[in-house]
């Protein structure tokens, strides 16, 4: 017959290990969501340059990049689009704070 206290300890260790692993996974996802990626702005280029309403995908990608927009204005590939008048319109339509960068 097995010792009941060792069985309880093993279960407690397993639960603690699972909680730790799940917490680490959540932290990685959170970090990935806020990673700056100027390519994500490309989802909104059509709306920025042609005055079309932004798509749901555009707004989702732009919202994810909101903390990075000032930094992304310096990106040589997509940053210039943030200086166009349509960028402010798209930001407003997507409920994203337009970057006023210094």
Protein backbone atom coordinates (compact mmCIF):
# COMPACT_ATOMS: atom_id res chain seq x y z
CA UNK A 1 0.00 0.00 0.00
CA UNK A 2 1.27 3.45 -0.96
CA UNK A 3 1.84 6.22 1.54
CA UNK A 4 -1.10 8.70 1.24
CA UNK A 5 1.08 11.68 2.21
CA UNK A 6 3.54 11.03 -0.64
CA UNK A 7 0.59 10.81 -3.09
CA UNK A 8 -0.71 14.18 -1.83
CA UNK A 9 2.77 15.74 -2.18
CA UNK A 10 3.08 14.47 -5.75
CA UNK A 11 -0.33 15.93 -6.66
CA UNK A 12 0.56 19.24 -5.05
CA UNK A 13 3.86 19.37 -6.95
CA UNK A 14 2.09 18.58 -10.24
CA UNK A 15 -0.51 21.32 -9.73
CA UNK A 16 2.17 23.85 -8.77
CA UNK A 17 4.24 22.97 -11.84
CA UNK A 18 1.21 23.34 -14.12
CA UNK A 19 0.36 26.75 -12.66
CA UNK A 20 3.94 27.89 -13.16
CA UNK A 21 4.01 26.70 -16.78
CA UNK A 22 0.66 28.30 -17.59
CA UNK A 23 1.78 31.57 -16.02
CA UNK A 24 4.97 31.57 -18.08
CA UNK A 25 2.95 30.92 -21.24
CA UNK A 26 0.64 33.84 -20.45
CA UNK A 27 3.59 36.16 -19.95
CA UNK A 28 5.03 35.15 -23.29
CA UNK A 29 1.73 35.82 -25.06
CA UNK A 30 1.40 39.20 -23.40
CA UNK A 31 4.91 40.14 -24.48
CA UNK A 32 4.26 38.98 -28.03
CA UNK A 33 1.11 41.07 -28.28
CA UNK A 34 2.96 44.29 -27.49
CA UNK A 35 6.00 43.64 -29.69
CA UNK A 36 6.47 46.44 -32.19
CA UNK A 37 6.15 45.29 -35.78
CA UNK A 38 5.83 48.05 -38.39
CA UNK A 39 4.71 45.51 -41.01
CA UNK A 40 1.36 45.32 -39.17
CA UNK A 41 0.61 48.83 -40.42
CA UNK A 42 0.42 47.40 -43.95
CA UNK A 43 -3.07 46.09 -43.12
CA UNK A 44 -4.21 49.73 -43.11
CA UNK A 45 -2.34 51.14 -46.11
CA UNK A 46 -5.30 50.94 -48.49
CA UNK A 47 -7.47 52.88 -46.06
CA UNK A 48 -4.74 55.43 -45.33
CA UNK A 49 -3.99 56.26 -48.96
CA UNK A 50 -7.45 55.92 -50.51
CA UNK A 51 -9.75 57.29 -47.81
CA UNK A 52 -11.65 53.98 -47.57
CA UNK A 53 -13.07 52.88 -44.22
CA UNK A 54 -10.59 50.64 -42.37
CA UNK A 55 -11.29 46.93 -42.16
CA UNK A 56 -11.69 45.08 -38.87
CA UNK A 57 -8.28 43.47 -39.46
CA UNK A 58 -6.71 46.89 -39.98
CA UNK A 59 -8.15 48.19 -36.71
CA UNK A 60 -7.12 45.07 -34.81
CA UNK A 61 -3.52 45.26 -36.07
CA UNK A 62 -3.32 49.03 -35.55
CA UNK A 63 -4.68 48.76 -32.00
CA UNK A 64 -2.05 46.12 -31.21
CA UNK A 65 0.64 48.51 -32.45
CA UNK A 66 -0.74 51.59 -30.66
CA UNK A 67 2.05 51.72 -28.03
CA UNK A 68 4.61 51.55 -30.86
CA UNK A 69 3.25 54.10 -33.33
CA UNK A 70 5.67 56.91 -32.43
CA UNK A 71 8.58 54.55 -32.89
CA UNK A 72 7.10 53.25 -36.13
CA UNK A 73 6.90 56.74 -37.66
CA UNK A 74 10.65 56.38 -38.14
CA UNK A 75 10.37 53.08 -40.01
CA UNK A 76 11.66 53.65 -43.56
CA UNK A 77 9.14 51.30 -45.18
CA UNK A 78 5.80 52.02 -43.49
CA UNK A 79 6.47 54.97 -41.21
CA UNK A 80 5.93 57.54 -43.93
CA UNK A 81 2.32 56.47 -44.25
CA UNK A 82 1.68 57.59 -40.66
CA UNK A 83 2.44 61.13 -41.79
CA UNK A 84 -0.33 61.14 -44.40
CA UNK A 85 -3.68 62.81 -43.57
CA UNK A 86 -5.48 59.48 -44.00
CA UNK A 87 -3.52 57.97 -41.10
CA UNK A 88 -5.24 60.25 -38.59
CA UNK A 89 -8.63 59.39 -40.12
CA UNK A 90 -7.91 55.66 -39.85
CA UNK A 91 -6.67 56.01 -36.26
CA UNK A 92 -9.84 57.87 -35.32
CA UNK A 93 -12.05 55.28 -37.04
CA UNK A 94 -10.22 52.46 -35.22
CA UNK A 95 -10.30 54.29 -31.87
CA UNK A 96 -6.50 54.36 -31.77
CA UNK A 97 -4.65 57.36 -30.36
CA UNK A 98 -2.95 59.13 -33.24
CA UNK A 99 0.77 59.45 -32.48
CA UNK A 100 1.89 62.99 -31.70
CA UNK A 101 5.60 62.33 -31.55
CA UNK A 102 8.33 64.77 -30.60
